[in-house]
Every structure is written in C-alpha cells, then in structure tokens.
Amino acid sequence: MKDRRKGPIGRAAGIAEGVAAAVRRMQREREPRVLVYDQTGYARLIQPEARGHERILEVGERMVQVATGADDGRGGSRGGGSEEAA
C-alpha cells in the first residue's frame, strides 16, 4: 500500500503526480495506432517501426476522410459526391 503524504508538500506532490499521469495518458492517446484484424476477428497491433506501418496509416486516414465526408478531392471518389456540373 502506498503511504499517504501529509501536509502541504504531500498534497502538492500528489497533485503533481496526478497531472503527470494525465499528461502521459493524453500523449499516449494522441499517437495513432494501427490495428489489423484477421478473418477470425483477432486484432494485431502493427508497431510503428514495422514495414508498411506508414502506408497502412495513410490508407486508414484516407478511408476515414472518405467515410466522414471530409474528402479533399484527391482521386477515386465514387458516387454521392459534391461535384459541380459543368
């Protein structure tokens, strides 16, 4: 069991530990992760240093852009588009 610190220094240290933990969580959540699923539904995390990680990440980002309608017009849009008639 962790000893509780007493007094104002102990409280300040506790607050600092809490802030540091929150910052670590936020940084961890900002890093994009690449998960791929096999046919049985088993997920694998592709490490950032693995071959093809960047390409998979780019394709995934592009898929999200198309699915959310945030398409910037870079090639391959099919149907339902916001193209103007000439």
PDB file of N, CA and C in Angstrom:
ATOM      1  N   MET A   1       0.841  -1.175   0.000  1.00  0.00           N
ATOM      2  CA  MET A   1       0.000   0.000   0.000  1.00  0.00           C
ATOM      3  C   MET A   1       0.888   1.241   0.000  1.00  0.00           C
ATOM      4  N   LYS A   2       0.483   2.224  -0.717  1.00  0.00           N
ATOM      5  CA  LYS A   2       1.241   3.470  -0.843  1.00  0.00           C
ATOM      6  C   LYS A   2       1.016   4.353   0.375  1.00  0.00           C
ATOM      7  N   ASP A   3       2.093   4.878   0.938  1.00  0.00           N
ATOM      8  CA  ASP A   3       1.978   5.783   2.080  1.00  0.00           C
ATOM      9  C   ASP A   3       1.406   7.114   1.616  1.00  0.00           C
ATOM     10  N   ARG A   4       0.465   7.609   2.355  1.00  0.00           N
ATOM     11  CA  ARG A   4      -0.097   8.928   2.051  1.00  0.00           C
ATOM     12  C   ARG A   4       0.818   9.982   2.642  1.00  0.00           C
ATOM     13  N   ARG A   5       1.106  10.978   1.853  1.00  0.00           N
ATOM     14  CA  ARG A   5       1.917  12.088   2.333  1.00  0.00           C
ATOM     15  C   ARG A   5       1.035  13.057   3.095  1.00  0.00           C
ATOM     16  N   LYS A   6       1.601  13.644   4.108  1.00  0.00           N
ATOM     17  CA  LYS A   6       0.825  14.580   4.914  1.00  0.00           C
ATOM     18  C   LYS A   6       1.343  15.990   4.728  1.00  0.00           C
ATOM     19  N   GLY A   7       0.487  16.925   4.950  1.00  0.00           N
ATOM     20  CA  GLY A   7       0.877  18.318   4.885  1.00  0.00           C
ATOM     21  C   GLY A   7       0.802  18.893   3.490  1.00  0.00           C
ATOM     22  N   PRO A   8       1.130  20.190   3.380  1.00  0.00           N
ATOM     23  CA  PRO A   8       1.009  20.876   2.086  1.00  0.00           C
ATOM     24  C   PRO A   8       1.976  20.343   1.032  1.00  0.00           C
ATOM     25  N   ILE A   9       3.169  19.936   1.422  1.00  0.00           N
ATOM     26  CA  ILE A   9       4.120  19.390   0.438  1.00  0.00           C
ATOM     27  C   ILE A   9       3.609  18.063  -0.093  1.00  0.00           C
ATOM     28  N   GLY A  10       3.058  17.269   0.771  1.00  0.00           N
ATOM     29  CA  GLY A  10       2.487  15.992   0.347  1.00  0.00           C
ATOM     30  C   GLY A  10       1.329  16.175  -0.611  1.00  0.00           C
ATOM     31  N   ARG A  11       0.478  17.153  -0.325  1.00  0.00           N
ATOM     32  CA  ARG A  11      -0.652  17.425  -1.219  1.00  0.00           C
ATOM     33  C   ARG A  11      -0.170  17.940  -2.571  1.00  0.00           C
ATOM     34  N   ALA A  12       0.837  18.807  -2.556  1.00  0.00           N
ATOM     35  CA  ALA A  12       1.386  19.332  -3.814  1.00  0.00           C
ATOM     36  C   ALA A  12       2.017  18.205  -4.630  1.00  0.00           C
ATOM     37  N   ALA A  13       2.714  17.300  -3.949  1.00  0.00           N
ATOM     38  CA  ALA A  13       3.316  16.167  -4.660  1.00  0.00           C
ATOM     39  C   ALA A  13       2.236  15.278  -5.255  1.00  0.00           C
ATOM     40  N   GLY A  14       1.161  15.084  -4.526  1.00  0.00           N
ATOM     41  CA  GLY A  14       0.048  14.278  -5.040  1.00  0.00           C
ATOM     42  C   GLY A  14      -0.591  14.901  -6.265  1.00  0.00           C
ATOM     43  N   ILE A  15      -0.761  16.210  -6.232  1.00  0.00           N
ATOM     44  CA  ILE A  15      -1.319  16.920  -7.389  1.00  0.00           C
ATOM     45  C   ILE A  15      -0.379  16.805  -8.584  1.00  0.00           C
ATOM     46  N   ALA A  16       0.916  16.974  -8.337  1.00  0.00           N
ATOM     47  CA  ALA A  16       1.898  16.876  -9.423  1.00  0.00           C
ATOM     48  C   ALA A  16       1.889  15.482 -10.039  1.00  0.00           C
ATOM     49  N   GLU A  17       1.775  14.452  -9.210  1.00  0.00           N
ATOM     50  CA  GLU A  17       1.709  13.083  -9.734  1.00  0.00           C
ATOM     51  C   GLU A  17       0.467  12.889 -10.596  1.00  0.00           C
ATOM     52  N   GLY A  18      -0.642  13.444 -10.161  1.00  0.00           N
ATOM     53  CA  GLY A  18      -1.879  13.332 -10.928  1.00  0.00           C
ATOM     54  C   GLY A  18      -1.798  14.040 -12.271  1.00  0.00           C
ATOM     55  N   VAL A  19      -1.189  15.222 -12.280  1.00  0.00           N
ATOM     56  CA  VAL A  19      -1.019  15.975 -13.532  1.00  0.00           C
ATOM     57  C   VAL A  19      -0.094  15.221 -14.476  1.00  0.00           C
ATOM     58  N   ALA A  20       0.994  14.688 -13.941  1.00  0.00           N
ATOM     59  CA  ALA A  20       1.938  13.940 -14.773  1.00  0.00           C
ATOM     60  C   ALA A  20       1.265  12.708 -15.392  1.00  0.00           C
ATOM     61  N   ALA A  21       0.453  12.020 -14.613  1.00  0.00           N
ATOM     62  CA  ALA A  21      -0.262  10.855 -15.135  1.00  0.00           C
ATOM     63  C   ALA A  21      -1.238  11.259 -16.236  1.00  0.00           C
ATOM     64  N   ALA A  22      -1.921  12.382 -16.055  1.00  0.00           N
ATOM     65  CA  ALA A  22      -2.869  12.861 -17.073  1.00  0.00           C
ATOM     66  C   ALA A  22      -2.147  13.220 -18.365  1.00  0.00           C
ATOM     67  N   VAL A  23      -0.991  13.869 -18.256  1.00  0.00           N
ATOM     68  CA  VAL A  23      -0.214  14.231 -19.444  1.00  0.00           C
ATOM     69  C   VAL A  23       0.238  12.971 -20.180  1.00  0.00           C
ATOM     70  N   ARG A  24       0.702  11.973 -19.436  1.00  0.00           N
ATOM     71  CA  ARG A  24       1.121  10.711 -20.078  1.00  0.00           C
ATOM     72  C   ARG A  24      -0.045  10.058 -20.805  1.00  0.00           C
ATOM     73  N   ARG A  25      -1.226  10.057 -20.192  1.00  0.00           N
ATOM     74  CA  ARG A  25      -2.400   9.470 -20.848  1.00  0.00           C
ATOM     75  C   ARG A  25      -2.756  10.208 -22.128  1.00  0.00           C
ATOM     76  N   MET A  26      -2.722  11.542 -22.083  1.00  0.00           N
ATOM     77  CA  MET A  26      -3.061  12.332 -23.272  1.00  0.00           C
ATOM     78  C   MET A  26      -2.063  12.069 -24.394  1.00  0.00           C
ATOM     79  N   GLN A  27      -0.775  11.988 -24.073  1.00  0.00           N
ATOM     80  CA  GLN A  27       0.226  11.730 -25.101  1.00  0.00           C
ATOM     81  C   GLN A  27       0.033  10.349 -25.701  1.00  0.00           C
ATOM     82  N   ARG A  28      -0.278   9.387 -24.885  1.00  0.00           N
ATOM     83  CA  ARG A  28      -0.476   8.017 -25.356  1.00  0.00           C
ATOM     84  C   ARG A  28      -1.692   7.949 -26.264  1.00  0.00           C
ATOM     85  N   GLU A  29      -2.727   8.699 -25.948  1.00  0.00           N
ATOM     86  CA  GLU A  29      -3.948   8.677 -26.752  1.00  0.00           C
ATOM     87  C   GLU A  29      -3.778   9.388 -28.089  1.00  0.00           C
ATOM     88  N   ARG A  30      -2.836  10.305 -28.198  1.00  0.00           N
ATOM     89  CA  ARG A  30      -2.644  11.056 -29.445  1.00  0.00           C
ATOM     90  C   ARG A  30      -1.884  10.270 -30.490  1.00  0.00           C
ATOM     91  N   GLU A  31      -1.092   9.299 -30.085  1.00  0.00           N
ATOM     92  CA  GLU A  31      -0.307   8.525 -31.035  1.00  0.00           C
ATOM     93  C   GLU A  31      -1.243   7.610 -31.823  1.00  0.00           C
ATOM     94  N   PRO A  32      -1.222   7.705 -33.144  1.00  0.00           N
ATOM     95  CA  PRO A  32      -2.084   6.821 -33.922  1.00  0.00           C
ATOM     96  C   PRO A  32      -1.604   5.380 -33.816  1.00  0.00           C
ATOM     97  N   ARG A  33      -2.545   4.467 -33.677  1.00  0.00           N
ATOM     98  CA  ARG A  33      -2.217   3.047 -33.617  1.00  0.00           C
ATOM     99  C   ARG A  33      -2.796   2.372 -34.842  1.00  0.00           C
ATOM    100  N   VAL A  34      -2.104   1.356 -35.311  1.00  0.00           N
ATOM    101  CA  VAL A  34      -2.582   0.595 -36.452  1.00  0.00           C
ATOM    102  C   VAL A  34      -2.921  -0.806 -35.957  1.00  0.00           C
ATOM    103  N   LEU A  35      -4.206  -1.124 -35.999  1.00  0.00           N
ATOM    104  CA  LEU A  35      -4.676  -2.454 -35.654  1.00  0.00           C
ATOM    105  C   LEU A  35      -5.205  -3.110 -36.909  1.00  0.00           C
ATOM    106  N   VAL A  36      -4.806  -4.333 -37.152  1.00  0.00           N
ATOM    107  CA  VAL A  36      -5.352  -5.096 -38.272  1.00  0.00           C
ATOM    108  C   VAL A  36      -6.017  -6.337 -37.691  1.00  0.00           C
ATOM    109  N   TYR A  37      -7.095  -6.741 -38.305  1.00  0.00           N
ATOM    110  CA  TYR A  37      -7.862  -7.887 -37.829  1.00  0.00           C
ATOM    111  C   TYR A  37      -7.784  -9.006 -38.851  1.00  0.00           C
ATOM    112  N   ASP A  38      -7.598 -10.238 -38.365  1.00  0.00           N
ATOM    113  CA  ASP A  38      -7.608 -11.375 -39.279  1.00  0.00           C
ATOM    114  C   ASP A  38      -9.040 -11.858 -39.475  1.00  0.00           C
ATOM    115  N   GLN A  39      -9.207 -12.935 -40.214  1.00  0.00           N
ATOM    116  CA  GLN A  39     -10.546 -13.413 -40.562  1.00  0.00           C
ATOM    117  C   GLN A  39     -11.352 -13.855 -39.346  1.00  0.00           C
ATOM    118  N   THR A  40     -10.676 -14.258 -38.281  1.00  0.00           N
ATOM    119  CA  THR A  40     -11.382 -14.711 -37.082  1.00  0.00           C
ATOM    120  C   THR A  40     -11.712 -13.563 -36.135  1.00  0.00           C
ATOM    121  N   GLY A  41     -11.249 -12.346 -36.464  1.00  0.00           N
ATOM    122  CA  GLY A  41     -11.523 -11.192 -35.627  1.00  0.00           C
ATOM    123  C   GLY A  41     -10.418 -10.894 -34.634  1.00  0.00           C
ATOM    124  N   TYR A  42      -9.329 -11.623 -34.696  1.00  0.00           N
ATOM    125  CA  TYR A  42      -8.202 -11.408 -33.798  1.00  0.00           C
ATOM    126  C   TYR A  42      -7.437 -10.158 -34.240  1.00  0.00           C
ATOM    127  N   ALA A  43      -7.221  -9.224 -33.315  1.00  0.00           N
ATOM    128  CA  ALA A  43      -6.553  -7.957 -33.640  1.00  0.00           C
ATOM    129  C   ALA A  43      -5.056  -8.063 -33.398  1.00  0.00           C
ATOM    130  N   ARG A  44      -4.292  -7.440 -34.290  1.00  0.00           N
ATOM    131  CA  ARG A  44      -2.846  -7.334 -34.123  1.00  0.00           C
ATOM    132  C   ARG A  44      -2.458  -5.876 -34.214  1.00  0.00           C
ATOM    133  N   LEU A  45      -1.618  -5.442 -33.298  1.00  0.00           N
ATOM    134  CA  LEU A  45      -1.100  -4.081 -33.308  1.00  0.00           C
ATOM    135  C   LEU A  45       0.160  -4.065 -34.161  1.00  0.00           C
ATOM    136  N   ILE A  46       0.173  -3.213 -35.176  1.00  0.00           N
ATOM    137  CA  ILE A  46       1.352  -3.062 -36.027  1.00  0.00           C
ATOM    138  C   ILE A  46       2.242  -1.993 -35.396  1.00  0.00           C
ATOM    139  N   GLN A  47       3.445  -2.368 -35.042  1.00  0.00           N
ATOM    140  CA  GLN A  47       4.376  -1.454 -34.386  1.00  0.00           C
ATOM    141  C   GLN A  47       4.813  -0.351 -35.343  1.00  0.00           C
ATOM    142  N   PRO A  48       5.057   0.864 -34.838  1.00  0.00           N
ATOM    143  CA  PRO A  48       5.452   1.984 -35.703  1.00  0.00           C
ATOM    144  C   PRO A  48       6.708   1.719 -36.529  1.00  0.00           C
ATOM    145  N   GLU A  49       7.606   0.890 -36.034  1.00  0.00           N
ATOM    146  CA  GLU A  49       8.838   0.616 -36.789  1.00  0.00           C
ATOM    147  C   GLU A  49       8.677  -0.526 -37.789  1.00  0.00           C
ATOM    148  N   ALA A  50       7.506  -1.160 -37.818  1.00  0.00           N
ATOM    149  CA  ALA A  50       7.271  -2.277 -38.728  1.00  0.00           C
ATOM    150  C   ALA A  50       7.153  -1.789 -40.170  1.00  0.00           C
ATOM    151  N   ARG A  51       7.585  -2.639 -41.088  1.00  0.00           N
ATOM    152  CA  ARG A  51       7.486  -2.320 -42.508  1.00  0.00           C
ATOM    153  C   ARG A  51       6.013  -2.190 -42.894  1.00  0.00           C
ATOM    154  N   GLY A  52       5.668  -1.125 -43.583  1.00  0.00           N
ATOM    155  CA  GLY A  52       4.310  -0.903 -44.058  1.00  0.00           C
ATOM    156  C   GLY A  52       3.424  -0.129 -43.096  1.00  0.00           C
ATOM    157  N   HIS A  53       3.918   0.162 -41.901  1.00  0.00           N
ATOM    158  CA  HIS A  53       3.103   0.885 -40.906  1.00  0.00           C
ATOM    159  C   HIS A  53       2.625   2.221 -41.452  1.00  0.00           C
ATOM    160  N   GLU A  54       3.526   3.007 -42.016  1.00  0.00           N
ATOM    161  CA  GLU A  54       3.162   4.337 -42.531  1.00  0.00           C
ATOM    162  C   GLU A  54       2.118   4.230 -43.636  1.00  0.00           C
ATOM    163  N   ARG A  55       2.293   3.281 -44.532  1.00  0.00           N
ATOM    164  CA  ARG A  55       1.356   3.130 -45.649  1.00  0.00           C
ATOM    165  C   ARG A  55      -0.037   2.736 -45.155  1.00  0.00           C
ATOM    166  N   ILE A  56      -0.083   1.797 -44.204  1.00  0.00           N
ATOM    167  CA  ILE A  56      -1.373   1.381 -43.646  1.00  0.00           C
ATOM    168  C   ILE A  56      -2.041   2.561 -42.950  1.00  0.00           C
ATOM    169  N   LEU A  57      -1.258   3.349 -42.236  1.00  0.00           N
ATOM    170  CA  LEU A  57      -1.787   4.522 -41.547  1.00  0.00           C
ATOM    171  C   LEU A  57      -2.351   5.533 -42.538  1.00  0.00           C
ATOM    172  N   GLU A  58      -1.641   5.770 -43.637  1.00  0.00           N
ATOM    173  CA  GLU A  58      -2.116   6.700 -44.667  1.00  0.00           C
ATOM    174  C   GLU A  58      -3.423   6.216 -45.282  1.00  0.00           C
ATOM    175  N   VAL A  59      -3.485   4.921 -45.606  1.00  0.00           N
ATOM    176  CA  VAL A  59      -4.702   4.370 -46.210  1.00  0.00           C
ATOM    177  C   VAL A  59      -5.869   4.470 -45.226  1.00  0.00           C
ATOM    178  N   GLY A  60      -5.615   4.182 -43.963  1.00  0.00           N
ATOM    179  CA  GLY A  60      -6.667   4.280 -42.949  1.00  0.00           C
ATOM    180  C   GLY A  60      -7.182   5.698 -42.791  1.00  0.00           C
ATOM    181  N   GLU A  61      -6.267   6.670 -42.778  1.00  0.00           N
ATOM    182  CA  GLU A  61      -6.674   8.069 -42.680  1.00  0.00           C
ATOM    183  C   GLU A  61      -7.511   8.473 -43.882  1.00  0.00           C
ATOM    184  N   ARG A  62      -7.120   8.015 -45.043  1.00  0.00           N
ATOM    185  CA  ARG A  62      -7.866   8.323 -46.271  1.00  0.00           C
ATOM    186  C   ARG A  62      -9.268   7.718 -46.226  1.00  0.00           C
ATOM    187  N   MET A  63      -9.366   6.483 -45.708  1.00  0.00           N
ATOM    188  CA  MET A  63     -10.670   5.828 -45.594  1.00  0.00           C
ATOM    189  C   MET A  63     -11.584   6.611 -44.644  1.00  0.00           C
ATOM    190  N   VAL A  64     -11.033   7.104 -43.557  1.00  0.00           N
ATOM    191  CA  VAL A  64     -11.827   7.884 -42.604  1.00  0.00           C
ATOM    192  C   VAL A  64     -12.289   9.180 -43.251  1.00  0.00           C
ATOM    193  N   GLN A  65     -11.419   9.826 -44.021  1.00  0.00           N
ATOM    194  CA  GLN A  65     -11.804  11.064 -44.707  1.00  0.00           C
ATOM    195  C   GLN A  65     -12.968  10.817 -45.651  1.00  0.00           C
ATOM    196  N   VAL A  66     -12.890   9.745 -46.417  1.00  0.00           N
ATOM    197  CA  VAL A  66     -13.957   9.442 -47.373  1.00  0.00           C
ATOM    198  C   VAL A  66     -15.245   9.098 -46.638  1.00  0.00           C
ATOM    199  N   ALA A  67     -15.146   8.311 -45.585  1.00  0.00           N
ATOM    200  CA  ALA A  67     -16.335   7.876 -44.846  1.00  0.00           C
ATOM    201  C   ALA A  67     -17.024   9.025 -44.125  1.00  0.00           C
ATOM    202  N   THR A  68     -16.259  10.008 -43.664  1.00  0.00           N
ATOM    203  CA  THR A  68     -16.848  11.118 -42.917  1.00  0.00           C
ATOM    204  C   THR A  68     -17.219  12.289 -43.805  1.00  0.00           C
ATOM    205  N   GLY A  69     -16.917  12.183 -45.078  1.00  0.00           N
ATOM    206  CA  GLY A  69     -17.240  13.265 -45.994  1.00  0.00           C
ATOM    207  C   GLY A  69     -16.222  14.378 -45.973  1.00  0.00           C
ATOM    208  N   ALA A  70     -15.104  14.170 -45.319  1.00  0.00           N
ATOM    209  CA  ALA A  70     -14.048  15.174 -45.265  1.00  0.00           C
ATOM    210  C   ALA A  70     -13.080  14.972 -46.420  1.00  0.00           C
ATOM    211  N   ASP A  71     -13.585  14.430 -47.509  1.00  0.00           N
ATOM    212  CA  ASP A  71     -12.765  14.137 -48.689  1.00  0.00           C
ATOM    213  C   ASP A  71     -12.250  15.435 -49.284  1.00  0.00           C
ATOM    214  N   ASP A  72     -10.947  15.488 -49.532  1.00  0.00           N
ATOM    215  CA  ASP A  72     -10.354  16.710 -50.079  1.00  0.00           C
ATOM    216  C   ASP A  72     -10.254  16.674 -51.596  1.00  0.00           C
ATOM    217  N   GLY A  73     -10.901  15.670 -52.215  1.00  0.00           N
ATOM    218  CA  GLY A  73     -10.942  15.624 -53.665  1.00  0.00           C
ATOM    219  C   GLY A  73      -9.773  14.908 -54.312  1.00  0.00           C
ATOM    220  N   ARG A  74      -8.939  14.230 -53.506  1.00  0.00           N
ATOM    221  CA  ARG A  74      -7.808  13.508 -54.091  1.00  0.00           C
ATOM    222  C   ARG A  74      -8.269  12.169 -54.618  1.00  0.00           C
ATOM    223  N   GLY A  75      -8.529  12.084 -55.900  1.00  0.00           N
ATOM    224  CA  GLY A  75      -8.769  10.865 -56.645  1.00  0.00           C
ATOM    225  C   GLY A  75      -9.742   9.858 -56.073  1.00  0.00           C
ATOM    226  N   GLY A  76     -10.332   9.099 -56.962  1.00  0.00           N
ATOM    227  CA  GLY A  76     -11.065   7.905 -56.651  1.00  0.00           C
ATOM    228  C   GLY A  76     -12.403   8.040 -55.931  1.00  0.00           C
ATOM    229  N   SER A  77     -12.988   9.189 -55.856  1.00  0.00           N
ATOM    230  CA  SER A  77     -14.285   9.320 -55.195  1.00  0.00           C
ATOM    231  C   SER A  77     -15.355   8.696 -56.072  1.00  0.00           C
ATOM    232  N   ARG A  78     -16.192   7.854 -55.469  1.00  0.00           N
ATOM    233  CA  ARG A  78     -17.244   7.197 -56.225  1.00  0.00           C
ATOM    234  C   ARG A  78     -18.611   7.650 -55.760  1.00  0.00           C
ATOM    235  N   GLY A  79     -19.389   8.133 -56.668  1.00  0.00           N
ATOM    236  CA  GLY A  79     -20.783   8.478 -56.395  1.00  0.00           C
ATOM    237  C   GLY A  79     -20.989   9.390 -55.212  1.00  0.00           C
ATOM    238  N   GLY A  80     -22.199   9.885 -55.071  1.00  0.00           N
ATOM    239  CA  GLY A  80     -22.603  10.670 -53.923  1.00  0.00           C
ATOM    240  C   GLY A  80     -21.725  11.874 -53.654  1.00  0.00           C
ATOM    241  N   GLY A  81     -20.968  12.284 -54.638  1.00  0.00           N
ATOM    242  CA  GLY A  81     -20.031  13.359 -54.421  1.00  0.00           C
ATOM    243  C   GLY A  81     -20.648  14.729 -54.494  1.00  0.00           C
ATOM    244  N   SER A  82     -19.854  15.709 -54.228  1.00  0.00           N
ATOM    245  CA  SER A  82     -20.333  17.097 -54.287  1.00  0.00           C
ATOM    246  C   SER A  82     -19.734  17.791 -55.501  1.00  0.00           C
ATOM    247  N   GLU A  83     -19.655  17.038 -56.598  1.00  0.00           N
ATOM    248  CA  GLU A  83     -19.061  17.587 -57.803  1.00  0.00           C
ATOM    249  C   GLU A  83     -20.051  18.505 -58.488  1.00  0.00           C
ATOM    250  N   GLU A  84     -19.554  19.614 -59.008  1.00  0.00           N
ATOM    251  CA  GLU A  84     -20.403  20.568 -59.698  1.00  0.00           C
ATOM    252  C   GLU A  84     -20.578  20.158 -61.164  1.00  0.00           C
ATOM    253  N   ALA A  85     -21.747  20.378 -61.697  1.00  0.00           N
ATOM    254  CA  ALA A  85     -21.997  20.084 -63.098  1.00  0.00           C
ATOM    255  C   ALA A  85     -21.386  21.184 -63.957  1.00  0.00           C
ATOM    256  N   ALA A  86     -20.774  20.754 -65.057  1.00  0.00           N
ATOM    257  CA  ALA A  86     -20.124  21.730 -65.931  1.00  0.00           C
ATOM    258  C   ALA A  86     -21.102  22.401 -66.849  1.00  0.00           C
TER     259      ALA A  86
END
